[in-house]
Every structure is written in C-alpha cells, then in structure tokens.
Amino acid sequence: MTPRLSLRNITKRYPGIVANDGVSLEIAPGEVLAILGENGAGKSTMMKIIYGAARPDEGEISFDGKPLAVESPAEARELGIAMVHQHFALFDTLTVAENVALGLSGKLSPAQISEEIRRLGDKYGLEVDPASIVMELSMGERQRVEILRALMTKPKLLILDEPTSVLTPQAVRTLFKTLHQLAAEGVSILFISHKLDEIRELADRCVVLRAGRVVATVNPKEETEEELARQMIGADPPKVREASGKAGDVIFEMRDVTVPGSTRVCGVNNVNLSVRAGEIVGIAGISGNGQSRFMAAAAGEACTSPECVKLFGKPVGNLDTHARRISGLRYVPEQRLGHAAVPELSLTANTYLTGDSLVRSGFILRDKARQFANTVIERFHVKTPTAEKAAGSLSGGNLQKFIMGREILNRPRVLLVHQPTWGVDVGAAAVIRNSLIRLRDDGAAIIVVSEEIDELFEVSDRIAVMYRGALSPAVPKKSLTIEEVGRWMSGLWPDSPFAKTHTEVR
C-alpha cells in the first residue's frame, strides 16, 4: 500500500537548536500514528512542516506517493491535510462561524456553516455556539472550535497537536470514537499527546522523538505507560510526592462573589470558598462553567465589592491584580500566549510582567531579571538555548514550565493556577506538581483549577466542582471518588441547587 504520508531525513534548524534531525517516518491510509516526545523534542515543528507552516532545511516529503512541497497551510488544506494546533490559530474578535469559514475553501453560506457547526458539535460531543465571539470562550471551548474546523475540511490526513489537553474526559471519549470512525473511513491521523493512556488507547503505532531524532517505533498497546515514559525521557520519570499536610489559618477567602456572565459566557453566582495556609484546593468542572470568571474575581481581573474577597483577613475585592500581587497573591492564567506571556518578548523580558522585585524606582534591573530567568529555566528544565529567546518561539509545554516557574519561584503566599500542566510531558508535569506541593508545604494557600481529575486527586487536599457558575463545597479528597466528582460535574452534589433529589456522598 502506498503510504499516505512519507518523510525522509527531514531536518529543520533554528538559531541555536536543531528541532528535527534526520527524521524519517511513514503513515498508511486509515492508520493512527502517535508521536511521543518531551517538550521541545521537535514534534510540533515536524507537524508544521507537514502542514506548510514551516519549510525543512533538508529532506523529502511525499503525500499519496507524490512529492509534497506546500508553501502554505491553505495549499495543505486543498490537498486534504488538516491540523488542530496546540496554540490555537483563531481570531479572538471573530465569531466561531467566521473563524471556521476562514479555514474552508468551499462556498458555504454563513447560515450553512453555522448549521454544520451545530450538527458536528451534536454528533461528536463538541458543542459550541457558532455566534460566540472567540475571545469570550474558555480554552476548552476554543479547542472544540479548532477540532470542528479541521473536521469540516473532510481531510485525508488529520494532524492533532495536543487535541485533548483542555477537553473533559467525556469529550475525549467522544472524540476518540470520532477518530476511530474517521480511521475506518481511510483518514490517516497523526496524534501528538503527552497523555500516555490516550496513546495506548488510540494509536496503532507510536514513534518516539528525543532531541529531534526518532529513537524508537513501538506498538503502544504492547507497552505499559511506564515503559512509554521511559522511552520518551530516556530514564525513569520522576514521581509525584504524596500530597497531604496540616493546614493552618484561612488566608484567602471569597464570600458571596458574583460576577455576571453574558448570553454566551457563564458568570459566577454567590461563590464561597476559604483556603488555608498549607493546603491546595482543587476545582474541577467542564470547561465553560464559570471557571474563568471565578479566577478573574479571585485574581483581581474582575473586581467586586471589597468585602467579597479577603486576603490575610483584609478586604481586597476592589483591588486589581498588581495590588493583590504586592500583598502576596499570584496568578497563572489559563491562556499562555497573550495573557500569561507576551509572545514577541524574550523570556527575560517576560519576567518583568510579574517581577515586582525586578524593578526599582521605575528602572528595570536587567541583570537581576536575566539571572532570575536563567534560574527558572534551570529549575524547571525549560528547553531553550538562551533566556533571550522570544516566548512565542518555545513549544507550548516549555512555555508553560517557564510561566509556572516564574510565579512559583517568587514564593507567593497565595497562588491561583488555571490548568497548571496544560500541554506538558509526563516528566515536566511531575516537576510542576511537586513544586506546587512543596510550595504548599512551605505554608502557601493554593487554588488549582484543572479539567484533569487525576491531577486534582494527585495534588489537592480538598476538591470542589464548578457547574453553571455555582461552586460545590470543598471537601477532603479522601471522602471522594473520581466517579463522584464526575457526578458533581453535572451539578449533582449534596444540596446542589441543580439536584432534584438529595444525593448522599458515600
């Protein structure tokens, strides 16, 4: 059988780094091929080359037996190649339907595009309102838009770069059914994920990249997750420390916090939460249920009345992010590029954004900032040739490690984190989770919002759930099971305003 896609000795160099070093691989029609590797191993670069967003320095590519030399993603889509990007390629100020239209070459009317978005969303469990403005959507909802746009092109080759990183377990299961169906219809699927259980479930073969080179090709169904992690890292993956400790006094408190939403964005209504020194409170929930508004209110991006939010017993509800940061509260937002980091600025310059100690009397302490950036790079194993590289040039996982390290190494008394391990490999995820637990052990109060339930059970002392803007009670994780959290994510916690009958927590 003629391979759907064939790569021969693909090499791509950037200043100070070789992203792909003589990569060769093939994928057959109807095959699901997983690409596994650490952050910075060259996976995304290889996908961009196939999709026409980057050009190789050396090597050859063929598609359905013919030489492939596309100059742009538009040419790739015309040939039947679609890609779901790790960093979403969406225009924030346009609607969902308008963003989808930009990726289609046909002549569908706006009404037909909106109808197709609704049809595919219902069919594949990826519901999203076609009239929503993208900037109002959560990361999980934006992920759905990317996937739907790719599916609407009816591709022969579908490239998925971390497609499940901000999807709920229910949405992931539905997506996998869709991908199996597409593969059965002859669509070839290139799948990048750091979630080893997903690779074992979905992929027919797995190619392992390390430092830009192919080091192994295995059948993932015949390998354990530990063996796959060892292949990827080249050593045993680090272990996450036991997350349990003794909490102190309440140092962060939200009382009857209400932040209005809009017709398409969920707000929060009468939210109450107290977090003590030396504990991590995890918040689960399906994307789009008010988590973004909740974190904005907690961090100071959406101000409330002073008494609604208290920090060390003092009202701070009317203070902005800078004032709260000076008081000891730090925030890692969900969106990396444009919110947590400025992509055009260097890593060193990005430390200025929240590095209050790096500025004195209006002057930037550049040497101190460079030293701090290098410390973050070293401690959190960020793969970059220099701290002067632009933040946008890093892989998503490496940028996430840098942003997390930047805030954690500032030793906050209160830390708010939205999706702490989004897009990072298994080894880096362990480093980040251990750092959160260590910070908790040093007496910090931490709130972690994550759509990965396993992660919350790994790091949290107490767990709460958000549903339609309401927050459940935060209870000790030992009194919960993953199945119960799943039910709570549908609003069915005891005394929930959404529960028709009282549900006992066993």
Protein backbone atom coordinates (compact mmCIF):
# COMPACT_ATOMS: atom_id res chain seq x y z
CA MET A 1 0.00 0.00 0.00
CA THR A 2 1.27 3.43 -0.91
CA PRO A 3 1.84 5.44 2.29
CA ARG A 4 -0.49 8.37 2.81
CA LEU A 5 2.50 10.38 4.07
CA SER A 6 6.21 9.68 3.92
CA LEU A 7 9.03 11.72 5.49
CA ARG A 8 12.66 11.08 4.53
CA ASN A 9 15.56 12.60 6.52
CA ILE A 10 13.69 15.78 7.48
CA THR A 11 15.98 18.32 9.17
CA LYS A 12 14.98 21.73 10.48
CA ARG A 13 17.38 24.14 12.21
CA TYR A 14 16.70 27.30 14.17
CA PRO A 15 19.34 29.60 15.68
CA GLY A 16 20.98 27.65 18.47
CA ILE A 17 18.90 24.49 18.07
CA VAL A 18 18.20 21.60 15.68
CA ALA A 19 14.46 20.98 16.03
CA ASN A 20 14.34 17.97 13.65
CA ASP A 21 17.43 15.91 12.93
CA GLY A 22 17.06 13.47 10.01
CA VAL A 23 13.50 12.39 10.85
CA SER A 24 12.01 9.58 8.74
CA LEU A 25 8.55 8.03 9.16
CA GLU A 26 5.52 6.78 7.24
CA ILE A 27 1.79 6.64 7.92
CA ALA A 28 -0.64 4.47 5.96
CA PRO A 29 -4.23 5.33 4.96
CA GLY A 30 -6.52 4.69 7.92
CA GLU A 31 -3.65 4.44 10.40
CA VAL A 32 -3.45 6.30 13.71
CA LEU A 33 0.19 7.17 14.37
CA ALA A 34 1.12 8.75 17.70
CA ILE A 35 4.17 10.99 18.05
CA LEU A 36 5.57 10.90 21.57
CA GLY A 37 8.33 13.07 23.00
CA GLU A 38 9.27 15.51 25.71
CA ASN A 39 8.51 19.21 25.39
CA GLY A 40 10.95 20.58 22.83
CA ALA A 41 11.63 17.19 21.21
CA GLY A 42 10.60 18.57 17.80
CA LYS A 43 7.04 17.20 17.49
CA SER A 44 5.25 20.46 16.73
CA THR A 45 7.97 21.58 14.31
CA MET A 46 7.55 18.38 12.33
CA MET A 47 3.77 18.88 12.17
CA LYS A 48 4.19 22.48 11.00
CA ILE A 49 6.49 21.28 8.19
CA ILE A 50 3.89 18.78 7.00
CA TYR A 51 1.16 21.42 7.19
CA GLY A 52 3.12 24.04 5.25
CA ALA A 53 3.61 26.43 8.18
CA ALA A 54 7.39 25.81 8.11
CA ARG A 55 9.83 24.55 5.49
CA PRO A 56 12.50 21.91 6.10
CA ASP A 57 16.18 22.68 5.54
CA GLU A 58 16.78 19.14 4.27
CA GLY A 59 14.79 16.04 3.37
CA GLU A 60 11.84 14.96 1.24
CA ILE A 61 8.11 14.57 1.86
CA SER A 62 5.60 12.65 -0.25
CA PHE A 63 1.81 12.53 0.01
CA ASP A 64 -0.11 9.67 -1.60
CA GLY A 65 3.08 8.77 -3.45
CA LYS A 66 3.66 12.25 -4.90
CA PRO A 67 6.27 14.81 -3.78
CA LEU A 68 4.82 17.28 -1.30
CA ALA A 69 6.15 20.84 -1.24
CA VAL A 70 3.36 23.05 0.08
CA GLU A 71 4.07 26.75 0.57
CA SER A 72 1.24 27.48 2.99
CA PRO A 73 -1.42 25.85 5.17
CA ALA A 74 -4.01 26.87 2.56
CA GLU A 75 -2.25 24.67 -0.02
CA ALA A 76 -2.08 21.83 2.51
CA ARG A 77 -5.82 22.05 3.17
CA GLU A 78 -6.52 21.96 -0.59
CA LEU A 79 -4.62 18.64 -0.74
CA GLY A 80 -6.58 17.20 2.19
CA ILE A 81 -4.28 17.95 5.15
CA ALA A 82 -5.92 19.50 8.23
CA MET A 83 -4.31 20.44 11.53
CA VAL A 84 -5.52 21.17 15.05
CA HIS A 85 -2.90 23.43 16.61
CA GLN A 86 -1.59 23.31 20.15
CA HIS A 87 -1.60 27.12 20.26
CA PHE A 88 -5.00 27.88 18.83
CA ALA A 89 -4.93 29.60 15.42
CA LEU A 90 -8.11 31.60 16.00
CA PHE A 91 -9.00 35.27 15.67
CA ASP A 92 -10.24 36.47 19.05
CA THR A 93 -12.54 39.20 17.74
CA LEU A 94 -14.37 37.00 15.21
CA THR A 95 -17.22 34.60 15.86
CA VAL A 96 -16.84 30.83 15.86
CA ALA A 97 -18.55 30.60 12.48
CA GLU A 98 -16.31 33.30 10.98
CA ASN A 99 -13.18 31.52 12.22
CA VAL A 100 -14.38 28.25 10.71
CA ALA A 101 -15.19 29.98 7.42
CA LEU A 102 -11.58 31.21 7.12
CA GLY A 103 -10.40 27.60 7.06
CA LEU A 104 -12.82 26.41 4.38
CA SER A 105 -12.30 26.63 0.64
CA GLY A 106 -15.90 25.88 -0.35
CA LYS A 107 -18.73 28.32 -0.88
CA LEU A 108 -20.97 27.58 2.06
CA SER A 109 -23.11 30.46 3.26
CA PRO A 110 -22.74 31.74 6.85
CA ALA A 111 -26.05 30.06 7.73
CA GLN A 112 -24.86 26.73 6.28
CA ILE A 113 -21.56 26.96 8.18
CA SER A 114 -23.38 27.66 11.45
CA GLU A 115 -25.73 24.74 10.86
CA GLU A 116 -22.81 22.39 10.10
CA ILE A 117 -21.01 23.51 13.28
CA ARG A 118 -24.12 22.68 15.30
CA ARG A 119 -24.59 19.33 13.53
CA LEU A 120 -20.99 18.20 14.00
CA GLY A 121 -20.94 19.53 17.57
CA ASP A 122 -24.02 17.47 18.43
CA LYS A 123 -22.67 14.40 16.63
CA TYR A 124 -19.22 14.45 18.21
CA GLY A 125 -19.96 15.95 21.63
CA LEU A 126 -18.13 19.18 20.77
CA GLU A 127 -20.99 21.64 21.22
CA VAL A 128 -20.18 25.33 20.75
CA ASP A 129 -22.34 28.31 19.77
CA PRO A 130 -21.43 29.41 16.20
CA ALA A 131 -22.32 33.02 17.10
CA SER A 132 -19.98 33.20 20.12
CA ILE A 133 -17.04 35.62 19.95
CA VAL A 134 -13.86 33.57 20.39
CA MET A 135 -12.34 35.91 22.98
CA GLU A 136 -15.27 35.08 25.27
CA LEU A 137 -14.67 31.33 25.10
CA SER A 138 -12.72 29.20 27.56
CA MET A 139 -9.69 27.23 26.37
CA GLY A 140 -11.72 24.03 26.26
CA GLU A 141 -14.34 25.67 24.06
CA ARG A 142 -11.65 27.07 21.77
CA GLN A 143 -10.22 23.56 21.47
CA ARG A 144 -13.62 22.37 20.26
CA VAL A 145 -13.65 25.11 17.59
CA GLU A 146 -10.24 24.01 16.30
CA ILE A 147 -11.32 20.38 16.07
CA LEU A 148 -14.63 21.18 14.38
CA ARG A 149 -12.90 23.43 11.83
CA ALA A 150 -10.49 20.62 10.95
CA LEU A 151 -13.28 18.05 10.63
CA MET A 152 -15.26 20.32 8.30
CA THR A 153 -12.48 20.20 5.70
CA LYS A 154 -13.06 16.42 5.28
CA PRO A 155 -9.31 15.69 5.44
CA LYS A 156 -7.31 12.70 4.18
CA LEU A 157 -4.65 13.41 6.83
CA LEU A 158 -5.64 14.89 10.17
CA ILE A 159 -2.86 16.28 12.40
CA LEU A 160 -3.79 16.66 16.06
CA ASP A 161 -1.29 18.53 18.27
CA GLU A 162 -2.36 18.00 21.91
CA PRO A 163 -6.08 17.95 20.97
CA THR A 164 -7.28 16.72 24.38
CA SER A 165 -5.19 18.98 26.63
CA VAL A 166 -8.19 21.06 27.75
CA LEU A 167 -11.06 18.68 26.97
CA THR A 168 -13.08 16.90 29.63
CA PRO A 169 -12.86 13.08 29.94
CA GLN A 170 -16.36 12.80 28.44
CA ALA A 171 -15.38 14.92 25.43
CA VAL A 172 -12.16 12.92 24.99
CA ARG A 173 -14.06 9.62 24.84
CA THR A 174 -16.44 11.05 22.25
CA LEU A 175 -13.54 12.45 20.21
CA PHE A 176 -11.78 9.08 20.22
CA LYS A 177 -14.91 7.41 18.84
CA THR A 178 -14.88 10.02 16.09
CA LEU A 179 -11.20 9.41 15.32
CA HIS A 180 -11.68 5.63 15.18
CA GLN A 181 -14.58 6.18 12.79
CA LEU A 182 -12.50 8.51 10.59
CA ALA A 183 -9.63 6.00 10.54
CA ALA A 184 -12.05 3.25 9.50
CA GLU A 185 -13.08 5.52 6.60
CA GLY A 186 -9.44 5.77 5.47
CA VAL A 187 -8.39 9.03 7.11
CA SER A 188 -4.78 8.97 8.39
CA ILE A 189 -4.32 10.53 11.82
CA LEU A 190 -1.11 11.95 13.28
CA PHE A 191 -1.69 12.32 17.00
CA ILE A 192 0.55 14.19 19.46
CA SER A 193 -0.23 13.78 23.14
CA HIS A 194 1.61 13.65 26.45
CA LYS A 195 -1.17 11.56 27.95
CA LEU A 196 0.22 8.06 27.73
CA ASP A 197 -3.09 6.31 28.45
CA GLU A 198 -4.60 8.09 25.43
CA ILE A 199 -1.77 6.98 23.16
CA ARG A 200 -2.17 3.36 24.30
CA GLU A 201 -5.92 3.52 23.68
CA LEU A 202 -5.97 5.32 20.34
CA ALA A 203 -2.78 4.68 18.36
CA ASP A 204 -1.84 1.77 16.10
CA ARG A 205 1.85 2.72 16.24
CA CYS A 206 3.92 5.17 18.24
CA VAL A 207 7.06 6.98 17.06
CA VAL A 208 9.23 8.31 19.89
CA LEU A 209 11.23 11.51 19.35
CA ARG A 210 14.07 12.60 21.59
CA ALA A 211 16.12 15.75 20.91
CA GLY A 212 14.72 15.94 17.37
CA ARG A 213 15.54 12.35 16.41
CA VAL A 214 13.46 9.19 16.08
CA VAL A 215 14.71 6.84 18.80
CA ALA A 216 12.04 4.13 18.71
CA THR A 217 8.90 2.88 16.96
CA VAL A 218 6.65 0.69 19.12
CA ASN A 219 3.17 -0.77 19.37
CA PRO A 220 1.77 1.27 22.28
CA LYS A 221 -0.81 -1.38 23.14
CA GLU A 222 2.04 -3.75 23.98
CA GLU A 223 3.83 -1.21 26.21
CA THR A 224 2.97 -0.04 29.71
CA GLU A 225 2.67 3.68 30.45
CA GLU A 226 5.88 3.44 32.49
CA GLU A 227 7.74 1.90 29.53
CA LEU A 228 6.45 4.60 27.17
CA ALA A 229 7.54 7.31 29.62
CA ARG A 230 10.98 5.72 29.88
CA GLN A 231 11.28 5.61 26.08
CA MET A 232 10.33 9.29 25.87
CA ILE A 233 12.59 10.60 28.64
CA GLY A 234 15.45 8.13 28.36
CA ALA A 235 15.23 7.48 32.12
CA ASP A 236 12.68 6.67 34.79
CA PRO A 237 10.12 9.51 35.12
CA PRO A 238 10.10 11.47 38.39
CA LYS A 239 7.50 10.57 40.99
CA VAL A 240 4.95 12.99 42.42
CA ARG A 241 5.25 13.49 46.17
CA GLU A 242 2.43 12.50 48.48
CA ALA A 243 0.02 15.43 48.72
CA SER A 244 -1.03 15.61 52.35
CA GLY A 245 -0.21 18.05 55.11
CA LYS A 246 -1.53 20.05 58.03
CA ALA A 247 -3.34 23.25 57.11
CA GLY A 248 -3.16 26.45 59.14
CA ASP A 249 -5.36 29.53 59.31
CA VAL A 250 -7.58 30.80 56.49
CA ILE A 251 -5.57 33.34 54.46
CA PHE A 252 -7.72 33.64 51.33
CA GLU A 253 -11.47 33.91 51.35
CA MET A 254 -14.28 34.55 48.85
CA ARG A 255 -17.76 35.32 50.17
CA ASP A 256 -20.90 35.60 48.03
CA VAL A 257 -18.84 36.50 44.96
CA THR A 258 -20.96 37.19 41.91
CA VAL A 259 -19.55 38.13 38.51
CA PRO A 260 -22.12 38.49 35.73
CA GLY A 261 -21.69 36.49 32.56
CA SER A 262 -23.22 37.17 29.18
CA THR A 263 -25.58 35.38 26.86
CA ARG A 264 -22.74 33.04 25.84
CA VAL A 265 -20.26 33.21 28.74
CA CYS A 266 -21.02 31.71 32.11
CA GLY A 267 -20.55 34.00 35.11
CA VAL A 268 -20.39 33.01 38.78
CA ASN A 269 -23.15 33.38 41.32
CA ASN A 270 -22.75 33.59 45.12
CA VAL A 271 -19.49 31.65 45.22
CA ASN A 272 -18.00 30.91 48.65
CA LEU A 273 -14.54 29.45 49.27
CA SER A 274 -11.94 29.58 52.04
CA VAL A 275 -8.35 28.39 51.59
CA ARG A 276 -5.96 27.89 54.49
CA ALA A 277 -2.22 28.22 54.69
CA GLY A 278 -0.59 24.94 53.76
CA GLU A 279 -3.36 23.45 51.63
CA ILE A 280 -4.25 23.01 47.98
CA VAL A 281 -7.88 23.27 46.95
CA GLY A 282 -8.59 21.75 43.55
CA ILE A 283 -11.55 22.85 41.44
CA ALA A 284 -12.91 20.51 38.79
CA GLY A 285 -15.54 21.17 36.16
CA ILE A 286 -16.35 21.01 32.48
CA SER A 287 -14.84 23.92 30.56
CA GLY A 288 -17.14 26.92 30.28
CA ASN A 289 -18.94 26.56 33.62
CA GLY A 290 -17.65 29.78 35.14
CA GLN A 291 -14.06 28.86 35.97
CA SER A 292 -12.63 31.81 34.03
CA ARG A 293 -14.90 34.35 35.77
CA PHE A 294 -14.13 32.73 39.12
CA MET A 295 -10.36 33.02 38.64
CA ALA A 296 -10.70 36.59 37.34
CA ALA A 297 -12.56 37.56 40.51
CA ALA A 298 -10.03 35.80 42.73
CA ALA A 299 -7.00 37.33 40.96
CA GLY A 300 -8.33 40.89 40.66
CA GLU A 301 -9.04 40.96 36.92
CA ALA A 302 -12.75 41.29 37.75
CA CYS A 303 -13.14 43.47 40.82
CA THR A 304 -16.03 43.08 43.27
CA SER A 305 -17.07 44.84 46.45
CA PRO A 306 -14.16 44.99 48.95
CA GLU A 307 -15.63 42.53 51.48
CA CYS A 308 -16.29 39.80 48.90
CA VAL A 309 -12.60 38.82 48.69
CA LYS A 310 -10.26 38.82 51.70
CA LEU A 311 -6.51 38.27 51.77
CA PHE A 312 -4.97 37.72 55.22
CA GLY A 313 -8.23 38.98 56.68
CA LYS A 314 -8.14 42.29 54.79
CA PRO A 315 -10.76 43.22 52.17
CA VAL A 316 -9.20 43.25 48.69
CA GLY A 317 -12.23 42.74 46.44
CA ASN A 318 -11.79 46.19 44.88
CA LEU A 319 -8.02 45.80 44.31
CA ASP A 320 -6.53 44.92 40.92
CA THR A 321 -4.00 42.17 40.14
CA HIS A 322 -0.95 44.34 40.85
CA ALA A 323 -2.18 45.40 44.27
CA ARG A 324 -3.05 41.80 45.18
CA ARG A 325 0.33 40.60 43.91
CA ILE A 326 2.14 43.08 46.16
CA SER A 327 0.06 41.68 49.05
CA GLY A 328 1.30 38.14 48.30
CA LEU A 329 -1.15 36.68 45.74
CA ARG A 330 -0.02 35.45 42.32
CA TYR A 331 -1.91 34.07 39.37
CA VAL A 332 -1.14 31.73 36.45
CA PRO A 333 -3.95 32.20 33.90
CA GLU A 334 -5.25 29.55 31.54
CA GLN A 335 -4.15 31.24 28.31
CA ARG A 336 -0.38 31.18 27.90
CA LEU A 337 0.17 33.47 24.94
CA GLY A 338 -1.23 36.96 25.25
CA HIS A 339 -2.34 36.60 28.87
CA ALA A 340 0.41 34.92 30.89
CA ALA A 341 3.21 35.85 28.46
CA VAL A 342 3.89 38.28 25.62
CA PRO A 343 4.98 36.07 22.69
CA GLU A 344 7.16 38.73 21.00
CA LEU A 345 9.19 39.46 24.16
CA SER A 346 12.14 37.43 25.41
CA LEU A 347 11.86 35.15 28.42
CA THR A 348 13.91 37.67 30.39
CA ALA A 349 11.54 40.49 29.45
CA ASN A 350 8.56 38.34 30.36
CA THR A 351 9.81 38.16 33.94
CA TYR A 352 9.12 41.91 34.23
CA LEU A 353 5.38 41.29 33.86
CA THR A 354 5.01 39.97 37.40
CA GLY A 355 8.53 40.50 38.78
CA ASP A 356 7.95 43.45 41.10
CA SER A 357 11.37 42.89 42.71
CA LEU A 358 12.99 43.31 39.28
CA VAL A 359 12.03 46.99 39.09
CA ARG A 360 13.38 49.70 41.38
CA SER A 361 12.34 53.38 41.27
CA GLY A 362 10.98 52.88 37.78
CA PHE A 363 14.19 51.25 36.45
CA ILE A 364 14.38 47.63 35.28
CA LEU A 365 17.12 45.57 36.94
CA ARG A 366 18.03 43.71 33.76
CA ASP A 367 20.93 41.68 35.15
CA LYS A 368 18.79 40.51 38.05
CA ALA A 369 15.96 39.67 35.67
CA ARG A 370 18.28 37.67 33.40
CA GLN A 371 19.62 35.77 36.41
CA PHE A 372 16.07 35.03 37.59
CA ALA A 373 15.02 33.86 34.11
CA ASN A 374 18.02 31.52 33.97
CA THR A 375 17.11 30.13 37.39
CA VAL A 376 13.57 29.37 36.18
CA ILE A 377 14.98 27.71 33.05
CA GLU A 378 17.33 25.54 35.12
CA ARG A 379 14.92 24.57 37.92
CA PHE A 380 12.01 23.75 35.62
CA HIS A 381 14.06 22.19 32.80
CA VAL A 382 12.88 24.65 30.15
CA LYS A 383 14.41 23.73 26.80
CA THR A 384 15.71 26.93 25.22
CA PRO A 385 19.20 27.93 24.05
CA THR A 386 19.03 31.25 25.92
CA ALA A 387 16.81 33.39 28.13
CA GLU A 388 16.74 35.95 25.30
CA LYS A 389 14.61 33.71 23.06
CA ALA A 390 11.13 35.05 22.37
CA ALA A 391 8.44 33.40 24.49
CA GLY A 392 6.42 32.62 21.35
CA SER A 393 9.27 30.57 19.91
CA LEU A 394 9.09 27.96 22.68
CA SER A 395 6.95 24.86 22.47
CA GLY A 396 3.71 25.11 24.43
CA GLY A 397 4.92 22.80 27.18
CA ASN A 398 8.21 24.61 27.64
CA LEU A 399 6.45 27.98 27.84
CA GLN A 400 4.05 26.53 30.41
CA LYS A 401 7.01 25.35 32.52
CA PHE A 402 8.56 28.81 32.34
CA ILE A 403 5.36 30.60 33.35
CA MET A 404 4.72 28.22 36.24
CA GLY A 405 8.33 28.51 37.40
CA ARG A 406 8.24 32.31 37.16
CA GLU A 407 5.36 32.51 39.63
CA ILE A 408 6.35 29.65 41.94
CA LEU A 409 9.94 30.89 42.41
CA ASN A 410 8.58 34.26 43.54
CA ARG A 411 7.40 32.36 46.64
CA PRO A 412 3.79 33.63 46.79
CA ARG A 413 1.71 33.28 49.95
CA VAL A 414 -1.37 32.60 47.80
CA LEU A 415 -1.17 31.07 44.30
CA LEU A 416 -4.02 30.72 41.81
CA VAL A 417 -3.31 28.33 38.93
CA HIS A 418 -5.55 27.60 35.94
CA GLN A 419 -4.56 24.41 34.05
CA PRO A 420 -1.06 24.01 35.58
CA THR A 421 0.17 21.18 33.32
CA TRP A 422 -1.58 22.05 30.05
CA GLY A 423 0.49 20.58 27.21
CA VAL A 424 3.50 19.44 29.27
CA ASP A 425 5.06 15.99 29.15
CA VAL A 426 4.81 13.44 31.96
CA GLY A 427 8.21 14.31 33.43
CA ALA A 428 7.56 18.06 33.39
CA ALA A 429 4.08 17.54 34.85
CA ALA A 430 5.65 15.73 37.80
CA VAL A 431 8.12 18.60 38.29
CA ILE A 432 5.29 21.18 38.29
CA ARG A 433 3.07 19.15 40.63
CA ASN A 434 5.95 18.53 43.03
CA SER A 435 6.72 22.26 43.02
CA LEU A 436 3.10 23.04 43.93
CA ILE A 437 3.16 20.52 46.76
CA ARG A 438 6.50 21.89 48.01
CA LEU A 439 5.08 25.42 47.96
CA ARG A 440 2.06 24.17 49.89
CA ASP A 441 4.38 22.53 52.44
CA ASP A 442 6.07 25.92 52.90
CA GLY A 443 2.74 27.38 54.01
CA ALA A 444 1.19 28.75 50.81
CA ALA A 445 -2.54 28.59 50.08
CA ILE A 446 -3.10 27.30 46.54
CA ILE A 447 -6.14 27.04 44.28
CA VAL A 448 -5.76 24.76 41.24
CA VAL A 449 -8.42 24.78 38.52
CA SER A 450 -7.96 21.79 36.24
CA GLU A 451 -10.03 19.64 33.92
CA GLU A 452 -7.77 16.66 34.66
CA ILE A 453 -9.46 14.92 37.58
CA ASP A 454 -6.46 12.63 38.12
CA GLU A 455 -4.26 15.69 38.56
CA LEU A 456 -6.58 17.16 41.18
CA PHE A 457 -6.57 13.92 43.16
CA GLU A 458 -2.77 13.87 42.92
CA VAL A 459 -2.08 17.36 44.32
CA SER A 460 -5.17 18.52 46.23
CA ASP A 461 -6.09 18.37 49.89
CA ARG A 462 -9.71 19.35 49.20
CA ILE A 463 -11.73 19.28 45.96
CA ALA A 464 -14.70 21.36 44.80
CA VAL A 465 -16.59 21.40 41.49
CA MET A 466 -17.98 24.27 39.37
CA TYR A 467 -21.21 23.84 37.46
CA ARG A 468 -23.14 26.63 35.73
CA GLY A 469 -21.43 29.29 37.81
CA ALA A 470 -22.07 27.60 41.15
CA LEU A 471 -19.34 26.12 43.35
CA SER A 472 -19.86 22.97 45.37
CA PRO A 473 -18.49 22.64 48.91
CA ALA A 474 -14.75 21.89 49.02
CA VAL A 475 -14.41 18.53 50.75
CA PRO A 476 -11.37 16.38 51.65
CA LYS A 477 -10.32 14.35 48.63
CA LYS A 478 -10.24 11.19 50.76
CA SER A 479 -14.04 11.42 51.09
CA LEU A 480 -14.49 11.49 47.30
CA THR A 481 -14.01 9.14 44.39
CA ILE A 482 -13.34 10.05 40.78
CA GLU A 483 -16.81 8.77 39.90
CA GLU A 484 -18.42 11.06 42.48
CA VAL A 485 -16.52 14.06 41.12
CA GLY A 486 -17.84 13.11 37.69
CA ARG A 487 -21.41 13.24 39.02
CA TRP A 488 -20.74 16.55 40.76
CA MET A 489 -19.58 17.93 37.40
CA SER A 490 -23.21 17.55 36.31
CA GLY A 491 -24.34 19.61 39.30
CA LEU A 492 -25.34 16.62 41.43
CA TRP A 493 -23.57 17.34 44.71
CA PRO A 494 -25.50 17.21 48.03
CA ASP A 495 -27.78 20.21 48.49
CA SER A 496 -26.92 21.43 44.99
CA PRO A 497 -29.41 23.93 43.55
CA PHE A 498 -29.37 21.77 40.39
CA ALA A 499 -30.04 18.42 42.06
CA LYS A 500 -33.67 17.32 42.02
CA THR A 501 -33.09 14.98 44.94
CA HIS A 502 -30.56 14.94 47.74
CA THR A 503 -27.56 12.74 46.83
CA GLU A 504 -25.62 11.16 49.64
CA VAL A 505 -21.81 11.23 49.31
CA ARG A 506 -20.51 7.80 50.16
